[in-house]
Amino acid sequence: MLDDVKSKVHQYLIAKTNFLQVKDNMQEDQLRVVISRAIGEVCDKDEIELSDLDRAVLIRDLVMDAISLGPIKPLIEDDAISEIMINGPKQIYIQRAGKIELTNIRFDAERQLLHVIQKIMAASGTGRRVDESSPYVDFSLKDGSRVNIILPPVSLIGPVVTIRKFSSRISKIEDLLHLEMLNKPMADFLMASIRAKLNIVFCGATGTGKTTTLNVLSRYIPEDERVVTIEDTAELRLIQEHVVSLQAKAPNIEGKGTISIRDLFINSLRMRPDRIIIGEVRSNEAMDMIQAIASGHSGSLAIVHADSPKDCLNRLVTMILMSGIHLDVEEIRKHIASAIDLIVHTELSLDGKRRVTYVTDVRYSPKDNSVVLEDIFYFKQEAVTADGRVLGDWVMNKKQPSFYDKFIKRNIKLPEGFFQ
């Protein structure tokens, strides 16, 4: 019944009022008044009786439907745009095909931008807040897009909003192949690595496709496994049914109640996981992750911000040292090498293409008493054309990697002659 009434109210607002023209400039309480009046008109005309509860639910749903994103709505709806960067009300940049460009879209005033910010936060359903006392926030929209907001007085140019859009078009390994993010041998190897329960760290700079690559490869986790995901902001989109999603909690208005990634990771070990996926390792949870993997939690996946596989290793060492553990650097590197099998590095090239540039074996060499990084695949750039296209191809090392026994143990077949 409510859906029928909702449809009638929609039709009334469109046909009998100028609601579509004015709604973007209205505050939420003004929207409630207009929608409540329209519900009354429709109910009187069609002799419909609504309880107070049904009326409240109907008003809430219609208000949420009416909430739009003002002048940036076309940017949100444009699938070719991957990122929107709002630097105050008068300057809006976008990223399209890996290139950043300034748009001619503007907000009328800072007040309108603040109003849109509150609309975005309300529509996210996360319950997070942003105001002068807590001037920045990170959260995800229901479609998976990631939003960061930072307000004055921390921002000196007015409210700043960064929206990294989630692309539902990239969901299978074939999509990565079509985008030339990797080649067929790499795709075969990475899919096999997931099934063989290798411990893999995905690294790269911001916006290079780390999370996208992890999301795509996570499709090849068997359905009969229990997966626990741990994130600061929900970005992972797993297709399996048996997935437990955990999210860190920011402190409340009194500065209490923080639940960190590390807290969630320690708790996840008691949840009988077959795999643990960490959205981003950035602090002393690195030590817990390495210890957990070394003690039998194989198949773990994680993301680290780093510029290369070597930098990724060094960042993990630094994060473990931050935990206060009393080990020297070489001992820590040895622990990491015994736990991590593979580092997958992604990069945004000059031509705007995202590529998997390194797939690197991490091993410890007793002979040299050191950690050795050996590239199984790497992208060899040969030239850059006059129009900015990057020319090159992936090179494969046929040497059998240190973790090859895991493929044999789990009966995972690679193409004939893949490794020597």
Protein backbone atom coordinates (compact mmCIF):
# COMPACT_ATOMS: atom_id res chain seq x y z
CA MET A 1 0.00 0.00 0.00
CA LEU A 2 2.74 2.45 0.96
CA ASP A 3 4.52 1.93 -2.36
CA ASP A 4 1.29 2.77 -4.18
CA VAL A 5 0.81 5.95 -2.15
CA LYS A 6 4.47 6.86 -2.65
CA SER A 7 4.06 6.55 -6.43
CA LYS A 8 0.95 8.75 -6.38
CA VAL A 9 2.73 11.43 -4.30
CA HIS A 10 5.67 11.36 -6.76
CA GLN A 11 3.30 11.90 -9.68
CA TYR A 12 1.51 14.71 -7.82
CA LEU A 13 4.76 16.55 -7.02
CA ILE A 14 5.92 16.33 -10.64
CA ALA A 15 2.59 17.18 -12.32
CA LYS A 16 1.06 19.68 -9.92
CA THR A 17 4.04 21.56 -8.42
CA ASN A 18 7.43 23.03 -9.38
CA PHE A 19 9.10 20.62 -6.95
CA LEU A 20 11.77 19.39 -9.40
CA GLN A 21 12.96 22.94 -10.07
CA VAL A 22 13.24 24.05 -6.43
CA LYS A 23 14.10 20.91 -4.43
CA ASP A 24 17.89 21.26 -4.79
CA ASN A 25 17.81 24.65 -3.08
CA MET A 26 15.60 23.54 -0.18
CA GLN A 27 16.69 22.54 3.32
CA GLU A 28 15.59 19.14 4.61
CA ASP A 29 12.96 20.63 6.95
CA GLN A 30 11.51 22.59 4.01
CA LEU A 31 11.36 19.38 1.96
CA ARG A 32 9.50 17.69 4.78
CA VAL A 33 6.86 20.45 4.86
CA VAL A 34 6.30 20.34 1.07
CA ILE A 35 6.17 16.53 0.96
CA SER A 36 3.87 16.33 4.00
CA ARG A 37 1.49 18.78 2.32
CA ALA A 38 1.55 16.71 -0.89
CA ILE A 39 0.79 13.51 1.04
CA GLY A 40 -2.20 15.26 2.63
CA GLU A 41 -3.49 16.40 -0.76
CA VAL A 42 -3.19 12.92 -2.29
CA CYS A 43 -4.77 11.17 0.70
CA ASP A 44 -7.71 13.62 0.77
CA LYS A 45 -8.30 13.28 -2.98
CA ASP A 46 -8.14 9.45 -3.04
CA GLU A 47 -9.66 9.00 0.45
CA ILE A 48 -6.62 7.14 1.76
CA GLU A 49 -6.12 6.69 5.49
CA LEU A 50 -2.56 6.56 6.80
CA SER A 51 -1.40 5.87 10.34
CA ASP A 52 1.03 8.32 11.91
CA LEU A 53 3.80 5.72 11.60
CA ASP A 54 3.13 5.07 7.89
CA ARG A 55 3.00 8.80 7.24
CA ALA A 56 6.36 9.32 8.98
CA VAL A 57 7.94 6.46 7.00
CA LEU A 58 6.55 7.87 3.75
CA ILE A 59 7.88 11.36 4.47
CA ARG A 60 11.31 9.97 5.35
CA ASP A 61 11.53 7.88 2.16
CA LEU A 62 10.36 10.69 -0.09
CA VAL A 63 12.78 13.17 1.48
CA MET A 64 15.66 10.74 0.92
CA ASP A 65 14.52 10.29 -2.71
CA ALA A 66 14.44 14.06 -3.14
CA ILE A 67 17.94 14.58 -1.78
CA SER A 68 20.23 15.16 -4.75
CA LEU A 69 23.78 16.36 -5.19
CA GLY A 70 23.06 19.78 -6.67
CA PRO A 71 25.41 20.90 -9.47
CA ILE A 72 27.70 17.86 -9.14
CA LYS A 73 24.92 15.37 -9.95
CA PRO A 74 25.95 15.12 -13.67
CA LEU A 75 29.52 14.35 -12.57
CA ILE A 76 28.32 11.56 -10.28
CA GLU A 77 26.23 10.06 -13.08
CA ASP A 78 29.04 10.22 -15.68
CA ASP A 79 30.65 6.75 -15.72
CA ALA A 80 33.74 8.10 -17.51
CA ILE A 81 34.65 10.19 -14.43
CA SER A 82 36.57 8.27 -11.77
CA GLU A 83 37.17 11.04 -9.21
CA ILE A 84 35.57 14.35 -8.24
CA MET A 85 37.58 16.95 -6.29
CA ILE A 86 35.68 19.92 -4.88
CA ASN A 87 38.06 22.64 -3.63
CA GLY A 88 35.58 25.06 -2.08
CA PRO A 89 32.39 26.22 -3.87
CA LYS A 90 34.02 27.74 -6.96
CA GLN A 91 36.59 25.14 -8.04
CA ILE A 92 35.68 21.58 -9.05
CA TYR A 93 38.16 19.19 -10.69
CA ILE A 94 37.53 15.73 -12.11
CA GLN A 95 39.67 12.79 -13.15
CA ARG A 96 38.74 11.28 -16.50
CA ALA A 97 40.79 8.52 -18.19
CA GLY A 98 43.50 9.04 -15.58
CA LYS A 99 43.85 12.78 -16.33
CA ILE A 100 42.80 15.64 -14.02
CA GLU A 101 40.87 18.55 -15.51
CA LEU A 102 39.07 21.64 -14.21
CA THR A 103 35.30 21.80 -14.84
CA ASN A 104 33.13 24.88 -15.33
CA ILE A 105 30.70 23.71 -12.63
CA ARG A 106 30.31 25.92 -9.56
CA PHE A 107 28.24 26.10 -6.40
CA ASP A 108 26.31 29.33 -5.85
CA ALA A 109 27.76 29.79 -2.39
CA GLU A 110 29.52 27.93 0.41
CA ARG A 111 26.13 27.42 2.07
CA GLN A 112 24.91 25.39 -0.91
CA LEU A 113 28.06 23.22 -0.81
CA LEU A 114 27.60 22.60 2.92
CA HIS A 115 23.99 21.65 2.25
CA VAL A 116 25.08 19.11 -0.39
CA ILE A 117 27.68 17.71 2.05
CA GLN A 118 24.97 17.04 4.61
CA LYS A 119 22.83 15.42 1.90
CA ILE A 120 25.70 13.12 0.88
CA MET A 121 26.30 12.11 4.50
CA ALA A 122 22.60 11.48 5.14
CA ALA A 123 22.33 9.34 2.01
CA SER A 124 25.38 7.24 2.99
CA GLY A 125 23.60 5.78 6.01
CA THR A 126 26.91 5.45 7.88
CA GLY A 127 25.87 7.61 10.84
CA ARG A 128 29.16 9.51 10.69
CA ARG A 129 29.28 13.27 11.20
CA VAL A 130 31.37 16.26 10.21
CA ASP A 131 31.30 19.73 11.80
CA GLU A 132 33.64 22.30 13.35
CA SER A 133 34.41 20.07 16.33
CA SER A 134 35.20 17.11 14.06
CA PRO A 135 36.14 18.79 10.76
CA TYR A 136 37.08 15.80 8.62
CA VAL A 137 35.52 12.44 7.85
CA ASP A 138 36.02 9.44 5.56
CA PHE A 139 33.09 7.20 4.56
CA SER A 140 31.59 5.18 1.72
CA LEU A 141 28.38 5.66 -0.22
CA LYS A 142 25.99 2.76 -0.76
CA ASP A 143 27.34 2.19 -4.28
CA GLY A 144 30.87 1.74 -2.89
CA SER A 145 32.19 5.20 -3.79
CA ARG A 146 34.59 6.63 -1.21
CA VAL A 147 34.11 10.16 0.14
CA ASN A 148 36.48 12.36 2.13
CA ILE A 149 35.30 15.69 3.55
CA ILE A 150 37.35 18.33 5.34
CA LEU A 151 35.92 21.61 6.59
CA PRO A 152 37.19 25.00 7.85
CA PRO A 153 39.00 25.89 10.06
CA VAL A 154 41.26 22.97 9.04
CA SER A 155 40.73 23.76 5.35
CA LEU A 156 41.69 27.32 4.43
CA ILE A 157 39.81 27.34 1.09
CA GLY A 158 36.38 26.32 2.32
CA PRO A 159 34.81 22.85 2.40
CA VAL A 160 36.83 20.29 0.41
CA VAL A 161 35.15 17.10 -0.85
CA THR A 162 36.92 14.24 -2.64
CA ILE A 163 34.75 11.51 -4.14
CA ARG A 164 36.44 8.42 -5.54
CA LYS A 165 33.74 6.70 -7.55
CA PHE A 166 33.29 2.96 -7.46
CA SER A 167 33.14 1.45 -10.92
CA SER A 168 30.76 -1.51 -11.15
CA ARG A 169 31.98 -2.04 -14.72
CA ILE A 170 35.26 -3.54 -13.47
CA SER A 171 34.31 -6.78 -11.77
CA LYS A 172 36.01 -9.66 -13.62
CA ILE A 173 39.57 -10.46 -14.64
CA GLU A 174 38.45 -10.03 -18.27
CA ASP A 175 37.73 -6.37 -17.47
CA LEU A 176 41.32 -5.86 -16.29
CA LEU A 177 42.57 -7.55 -19.47
CA HIS A 178 40.35 -5.32 -21.61
CA LEU A 179 41.74 -2.22 -19.85
CA GLU A 180 45.29 -3.57 -20.43
CA MET A 181 45.96 -3.44 -16.70
CA LEU A 182 47.75 -6.80 -17.00
CA ASN A 183 48.26 -9.57 -19.57
CA LYS A 184 46.89 -13.13 -19.82
CA PRO A 185 49.82 -14.96 -18.16
CA MET A 186 49.67 -12.52 -15.22
CA ALA A 187 45.90 -13.00 -14.93
CA ASP A 188 46.28 -16.80 -14.94
CA PHE A 189 49.04 -16.63 -12.34
CA LEU A 190 47.20 -14.24 -9.99
CA MET A 191 43.95 -16.23 -10.14
CA ALA A 192 45.93 -19.39 -9.33
CA SER A 193 47.72 -17.57 -6.49
CA ILE A 194 44.38 -16.69 -4.87
CA ARG A 195 43.18 -20.29 -5.13
CA ALA A 196 46.52 -21.55 -3.74
CA LYS A 197 45.99 -19.32 -0.66
CA LEU A 198 49.14 -17.25 -1.11
CA ASN A 199 49.55 -14.32 1.25
CA ILE A 200 49.44 -11.28 -1.03
CA VAL A 201 50.05 -7.58 -0.38
CA PHE A 202 48.72 -5.12 -2.97
CA CYS A 203 50.63 -1.85 -3.05
CA GLY A 204 50.77 1.38 -5.02
CA ALA A 205 50.12 5.10 -4.69
CA THR A 206 46.68 6.68 -4.26
CA GLY A 207 44.29 6.03 -7.15
CA THR A 208 46.41 3.43 -8.94
CA GLY A 209 43.87 0.61 -8.74
CA LYS A 210 45.04 -1.39 -5.69
CA THR A 211 41.54 -1.92 -4.27
CA THR A 212 40.05 -2.54 -7.72
CA THR A 213 42.62 -5.27 -8.39
CA LEU A 214 42.03 -6.87 -4.99
CA ASN A 215 38.25 -6.73 -5.50
CA VAL A 216 38.50 -8.45 -8.88
CA LEU A 217 40.87 -11.18 -7.68
CA SER A 218 38.76 -11.81 -4.57
CA ARG A 219 36.13 -13.32 -6.91
CA TYR A 220 38.36 -16.39 -7.16
CA ILE A 221 38.23 -17.17 -3.44
CA PRO A 222 36.29 -20.46 -3.16
CA GLU A 223 32.67 -20.17 -2.01
CA ASP A 224 33.15 -22.65 0.84
CA GLU A 225 35.61 -20.37 2.70
CA ARG A 226 34.72 -17.98 5.53
CA VAL A 227 36.15 -14.54 4.74
CA VAL A 228 36.57 -11.71 7.25
CA THR A 229 37.19 -8.22 5.84
CA ILE A 230 38.58 -5.40 7.98
CA GLU A 231 38.47 -1.80 6.77
CA ASP A 232 38.68 1.76 7.93
CA THR A 233 36.21 2.81 5.23
CA ALA A 234 34.14 0.14 3.46
CA GLU A 235 35.41 -0.26 -0.12
CA LEU A 236 35.74 -4.00 -0.61
CA ARG A 237 32.96 -5.65 -2.62
CA LEU A 238 33.14 -9.44 -2.30
CA ILE A 239 30.65 -11.62 -4.15
CA GLN A 240 30.86 -14.64 -1.84
CA GLU A 241 28.00 -15.30 0.58
CA HIS A 242 30.06 -16.20 3.65
CA VAL A 243 31.68 -12.80 4.22
CA VAL A 244 31.91 -11.03 7.59
CA SER A 245 32.61 -7.30 7.11
CA LEU A 246 34.15 -5.32 9.97
CA GLN A 247 34.77 -1.57 10.00
CA ALA A 248 36.87 0.54 12.37
CA LYS A 249 35.04 3.05 14.53
CA ALA A 250 36.03 6.68 14.97
CA PRO A 251 35.88 8.26 18.46
CA ASN A 252 32.62 9.81 19.60
CA ILE A 253 32.11 13.50 20.37
CA GLU A 254 33.84 12.97 23.74
CA GLY A 255 36.89 11.42 22.06
CA LYS A 256 36.09 7.93 23.34
CA GLY A 257 35.00 4.64 21.82
CA THR A 258 37.71 4.28 19.15
CA ILE A 259 37.98 0.81 17.64
CA SER A 260 41.08 0.49 15.48
CA ILE A 261 42.00 -1.79 12.60
CA ARG A 262 44.35 -3.56 15.02
CA ASP A 263 41.53 -4.17 17.52
CA LEU A 264 39.38 -5.68 14.77
CA PHE A 265 42.23 -7.79 13.43
CA ILE A 266 42.98 -9.30 16.84
CA ASN A 267 39.27 -10.04 17.29
CA SER A 268 38.98 -11.55 13.79
CA LEU A 269 41.47 -14.28 14.71
CA ARG A 270 38.84 -15.62 17.13
CA MET A 271 36.15 -15.71 14.43
CA ARG A 272 37.40 -18.85 12.68
CA PRO A 273 38.38 -17.14 9.42
CA ASP A 274 39.62 -19.06 6.39
CA ARG A 275 40.91 -15.76 5.03
CA ILE A 276 41.39 -12.27 6.41
CA ILE A 277 41.39 -9.28 4.06
CA ILE A 278 42.62 -5.93 5.39
CA GLY A 279 41.51 -2.87 3.41
CA GLU A 280 44.66 -0.97 4.32
CA VAL A 281 47.57 -1.71 6.65
CA ARG A 282 48.90 1.57 7.98
CA SER A 283 50.01 1.10 11.57
CA ASN A 284 51.04 -1.40 14.23
CA GLU A 285 48.44 -3.95 13.05
CA ALA A 286 51.19 -4.96 10.57
CA MET A 287 52.95 -6.99 13.30
CA ASP A 288 49.74 -8.81 14.24
CA MET A 289 49.10 -9.60 10.58
CA ILE A 290 52.59 -11.04 10.05
CA GLN A 291 52.37 -13.13 13.22
CA ALA A 292 48.89 -14.42 12.31
CA ILE A 293 49.99 -15.42 8.80
CA ALA A 294 53.09 -17.14 10.17
CA SER A 295 50.92 -19.08 12.64
CA GLY A 296 48.69 -20.58 9.95
CA HIS A 297 46.22 -17.99 8.64
CA SER A 298 47.24 -18.39 5.00
CA GLY A 299 45.44 -16.77 2.09
CA SER A 300 45.45 -13.33 3.70
CA LEU A 301 45.20 -10.26 1.46
CA ALA A 302 46.12 -6.70 2.39
CA ILE A 303 46.71 -3.25 0.90
CA VAL A 304 49.69 -1.01 1.67
CA HIS A 305 50.40 2.47 0.27
CA ALA A 306 53.87 2.22 -1.30
CA ASP A 307 55.68 3.29 -4.47
CA SER A 308 57.34 -0.07 -5.24
CA PRO A 309 57.65 -3.61 -3.86
CA LYS A 310 60.88 -2.59 -2.11
CA ASP A 311 59.17 0.44 -0.58
CA CYS A 312 56.28 -1.82 0.49
CA LEU A 313 58.70 -4.08 2.38
CA ASN A 314 60.36 -1.09 4.03
CA ARG A 315 56.97 0.38 5.02
CA LEU A 316 55.93 -2.89 6.66
CA VAL A 317 59.23 -2.90 8.60
CA THR A 318 58.60 0.68 9.75
CA MET A 319 55.03 -0.10 10.83
CA ILE A 320 56.20 -3.13 12.83
CA LEU A 321 58.88 -1.02 14.54
CA MET A 322 56.10 1.45 15.47
CA SER A 323 54.42 -1.36 17.46
CA GLY A 324 57.33 -1.23 19.92
CA ILE A 325 58.51 -4.78 19.32
CA HIS A 326 62.07 -5.51 20.47
CA LEU A 327 63.53 -6.97 17.28
CA ASP A 328 66.22 -5.64 15.00
CA VAL A 329 65.37 -4.63 11.42
CA GLU A 330 66.89 -7.72 9.79
CA GLU A 331 64.91 -10.03 12.07
CA ILE A 332 61.69 -8.16 11.22
CA ARG A 333 62.46 -8.41 7.48
CA LYS A 334 63.00 -12.16 7.94
CA HIS A 335 59.58 -12.49 9.63
CA ILE A 336 57.92 -10.55 6.80
CA ALA A 337 59.59 -12.70 4.13
CA SER A 338 58.43 -15.89 5.88
CA ALA A 339 54.83 -14.62 5.98
CA ILE A 340 54.30 -12.69 2.71
CA ASP A 341 54.47 -14.67 -0.53
CA LEU A 342 53.72 -12.04 -3.13
CA ILE A 343 53.65 -8.27 -3.62
CA VAL A 344 51.45 -6.91 -6.43
CA HIS A 345 52.28 -3.32 -7.35
CA THR A 346 49.96 -1.08 -9.40
CA GLU A 347 50.80 2.25 -11.01
CA LEU A 348 49.07 5.09 -12.84
CA SER A 349 51.15 5.72 -15.96
CA LEU A 350 51.73 9.00 -17.80
CA ASP A 351 49.09 8.06 -20.37
CA GLY A 352 46.42 7.71 -17.69
CA LYS A 353 46.38 3.90 -17.77
CA ARG A 354 46.51 1.91 -14.57
CA ARG A 355 48.80 -1.11 -14.80
CA VAL A 356 50.05 -3.91 -12.61
CA THR A 357 53.73 -3.06 -12.95
CA TYR A 358 55.28 -5.65 -10.62
CA VAL A 359 54.33 -9.09 -9.34
CA THR A 360 57.15 -9.87 -6.93
CA ASP A 361 58.18 -12.99 -5.02
CA VAL A 362 59.29 -12.26 -1.43
CA ARG A 363 61.71 -14.81 0.01
CA TYR A 364 64.39 -15.16 2.63
CA SER A 365 67.81 -16.36 1.53
CA PRO A 366 69.61 -18.29 4.32
CA LYS A 367 72.79 -18.28 2.22
CA ASP A 368 72.97 -14.47 2.16
CA ASN A 369 71.03 -14.01 5.43
CA SER A 370 68.85 -11.41 3.69
CA VAL A 371 65.42 -10.84 2.16
CA VAL A 372 65.32 -11.15 -1.63
CA LEU A 373 62.68 -9.58 -3.88
CA GLU A 374 62.46 -11.30 -7.28
CA ASP A 375 60.08 -9.99 -9.94
CA ILE A 376 57.98 -12.73 -11.52
CA PHE A 377 56.44 -10.14 -13.86
CA TYR A 378 57.35 -6.51 -14.43
CA PHE A 379 56.25 -3.88 -16.95
CA LYS A 380 59.15 -2.73 -19.12
CA GLN A 381 58.50 0.75 -20.49
CA GLU A 382 60.20 1.27 -23.85
CA ALA A 383 59.08 4.73 -25.00
CA VAL A 384 56.51 7.53 -24.67
CA THR A 385 54.95 8.73 -27.93
CA ALA A 386 54.42 12.38 -28.88
CA ASP A 387 50.74 12.11 -27.91
CA GLY A 388 51.66 10.76 -24.47
CA ARG A 389 51.03 7.02 -24.95
CA VAL A 390 53.32 4.72 -22.97
CA LEU A 391 54.79 1.89 -25.05
CA GLY A 392 56.04 -1.28 -23.44
CA ASP A 393 55.18 -4.82 -22.40
CA TRP A 394 55.36 -7.18 -19.45
CA VAL A 395 58.41 -9.35 -18.97
CA MET A 396 58.14 -12.71 -17.21
CA ASN A 397 60.81 -14.47 -15.15
CA LYS A 398 60.49 -18.23 -15.76
CA LYS A 399 62.36 -19.14 -12.57
CA GLN A 400 60.21 -21.17 -10.19
CA PRO A 401 59.12 -18.93 -7.27
CA SER A 402 59.83 -19.73 -3.63
CA PHE A 403 56.18 -20.52 -2.86
CA TYR A 404 55.65 -22.95 -5.78
CA ASP A 405 55.08 -25.84 -3.36
CA LYS A 406 51.79 -24.18 -2.31
CA PHE A 407 50.44 -24.67 -5.84
CA ILE A 408 51.40 -28.35 -5.69
CA LYS A 409 50.00 -28.80 -2.16
CA ARG A 410 46.58 -27.43 -3.17
CA ASN A 411 46.63 -29.09 -6.61
CA ILE A 412 46.45 -25.76 -8.44
CA LYS A 413 47.42 -26.19 -12.08
CA LEU A 414 49.30 -23.53 -14.03
CA PRO A 415 49.56 -23.59 -17.86
CA GLU A 416 52.07 -26.11 -19.15
CA GLY A 417 55.65 -24.78 -19.09
CA PHE A 418 54.72 -21.72 -17.02
CA PHE A 419 57.82 -22.04 -14.80
CA GLN A 420 61.04 -23.92 -15.40
